[in-house]
C-alpha atoms as a PDB file:
ATOM      1  CA  MET A   1      -0.965  23.478 -12.708  1.00  0.00           C
ATOM      2  CA  ASN A   2      -0.969  23.348  -8.898  1.00  0.00           C
ATOM      3  CA  GLN A   3      -0.405  19.703  -7.478  1.00  0.00           C
ATOM      4  CA  THR A   4      -0.138  18.636  -3.956  1.00  0.00           C
ATOM      5  CA  PHE A   5       1.817  15.640  -2.776  1.00  0.00           C
ATOM      6  CA  THR A   6       2.400  14.019   0.512  1.00  0.00           C
ATOM      7  CA  VAL A   7       6.008  13.288   0.930  1.00  0.00           C
ATOM      8  CA  THR A   8       7.400  11.175   3.808  1.00  0.00           C
ATOM      9  CA  GLY A   9      10.990  11.145   5.090  1.00  0.00           C
ATOM     10  CA  MET A  10      11.554  14.863   5.196  1.00  0.00           C
ATOM     11  CA  THR A  11      13.122  15.665   8.569  1.00  0.00           C
ATOM     12  CA  CYS A  12      15.201  18.620   8.153  1.00  0.00           C
ATOM     13  CA  GLY A  13      15.835  21.728   6.060  1.00  0.00           C
ATOM     14  CA  HIS A  14      18.262  19.838   3.878  1.00  0.00           C
ATOM     15  CA  CYS A  15      15.494  17.381   3.072  1.00  0.00           C
ATOM     16  CA  GLU A  16      13.295  20.214   2.095  1.00  0.00           C
ATOM     17  CA  ARG A  17      15.890  21.712  -0.254  1.00  0.00           C
ATOM     18  CA  ALA A  18      16.537  18.237  -1.787  1.00  0.00           C
ATOM     19  CA  VAL A  19      12.838  17.910  -2.677  1.00  0.00           C
ATOM     20  CA  LYS A  20      12.714  21.468  -4.113  1.00  0.00           C
ATOM     21  CA  ASN A  21      15.784  20.917  -6.113  1.00  0.00           C
ATOM     22  CA  ALA A  22      14.566  17.635  -7.488  1.00  0.00           C
ATOM     23  CA  VAL A  23      11.476  19.372  -8.723  1.00  0.00           C
ATOM     24  CA  GLN A  24      13.252  22.285 -10.170  1.00  0.00           C
ATOM     25  CA  GLN A  25      15.737  20.196 -12.094  1.00  0.00           C
ATOM     26  CA  LEU A  26      12.671  18.795 -13.790  1.00  0.00           C
ATOM     27  CA  ASP A  27      11.059  22.236 -14.162  1.00  0.00           C
ATOM     28  CA  PRO A  28      13.394  25.221 -13.547  1.00  0.00           C
ATOM     29  CA  GLN A  29      10.159  27.424 -13.301  1.00  0.00           C
ATOM     30  CA  ALA A  30       8.322  25.490 -10.828  1.00  0.00           C
ATOM     31  CA  GLN A  31       7.144  27.074  -7.683  1.00  0.00           C
ATOM     32  CA  VAL A  32       7.459  24.720  -4.660  1.00  0.00           C
ATOM     33  CA  SER A  33       6.030  25.146  -1.184  1.00  0.00           C
ATOM     34  CA  ILE A  34       6.959  22.746   1.636  1.00  0.00           C
ATOM     35  CA  ASP A  35       5.255  22.277   4.889  1.00  0.00           C
ATOM     36  CA  ARG A  36       7.453  19.510   6.637  1.00  0.00           C
ATOM     37  CA  ALA A  37       5.165  19.296   9.674  1.00  0.00           C
ATOM     38  CA  THR A  38       2.230  18.159   7.620  1.00  0.00           C
ATOM     39  CA  LYS A  39       4.385  16.399   5.027  1.00  0.00           C
ATOM     40  CA  ARG A  40       2.736  18.564   2.285  1.00  0.00           C
ATOM     41  CA  VAL A  41       4.500  19.654  -0.917  1.00  0.00           C
ATOM     42  CA  ASP A  42       2.701  22.098  -3.227  1.00  0.00           C
ATOM     43  CA  VAL A  43       4.154  22.316  -6.685  1.00  0.00           C
ATOM     44  CA  ASP A  44       3.067  24.804  -9.421  1.00  0.00           C
ATOM     45  CA  SER A  45       4.315  23.202 -12.546  1.00  0.00           C
ATOM     46  CA  SER A  46       3.428  22.211 -16.227  1.00  0.00           C
ATOM     47  CA  GLN A  47       5.045  18.943 -15.711  1.00  0.00           C
ATOM     48  CA  PRO A  48       3.034  15.669 -15.412  1.00  0.00           C
ATOM     49  CA  ARG A  49       2.214  14.569 -11.871  1.00  0.00           C
ATOM     50  CA  GLU A  50       3.964  11.277 -12.375  1.00  0.00           C
ATOM     51  CA  ALA A  51       7.162  12.815 -13.477  1.00  0.00           C
ATOM     52  CA  LEU A  52       7.232  15.149 -10.498  1.00  0.00           C
ATOM     53  CA  ALA A  53       6.423  12.223  -8.077  1.00  0.00           C
ATOM     54  CA  LYS A  54       9.263  10.250  -9.650  1.00  0.00           C
ATOM     55  CA  ALA A  55      11.801  13.021  -9.276  1.00  0.00           C
ATOM     56  CA  ILE A  56      10.931  13.354  -5.557  1.00  0.00           C
ATOM     57  CA  ALA A  57      11.119   9.591  -5.082  1.00  0.00           C
ATOM     58  CA  GLU A  58      14.517   9.303  -6.788  1.00  0.00           C
ATOM     59  CA  GLU A  59      15.780  11.592  -4.024  1.00  0.00           C
ATOM     60  CA  GLY A  60      14.838   8.840  -1.540  1.00  0.00           C
ATOM     61  CA  TYR A  61      11.571  10.262  -0.175  1.00  0.00           C
ATOM     62  CA  GLY A  62       8.202   8.498  -0.058  1.00  0.00           C
ATOM     63  CA  VAL A  63       5.464  10.015  -2.313  1.00  0.00           C
ATOM     64  CA  THR A  64       1.779   9.277  -1.714  1.00  0.00           C
ATOM     65  CA  ASP A  65      -1.444  10.791  -3.392  1.00  0.00           C
END
């Protein structure tokens, strides 16, 4: 299932990798696409939206719907 998140606080490539790694720790098969300029994170994963948002937030980034 493809889900889109608005993630605040990503300022560099390291931030992007941290978000991607957080999602893939929860679901190693997840496909993650990040557009830092628009704060958009697209995730193709079978995991529940709440679990994905929590994994990103635990890395220290803001997640909005």
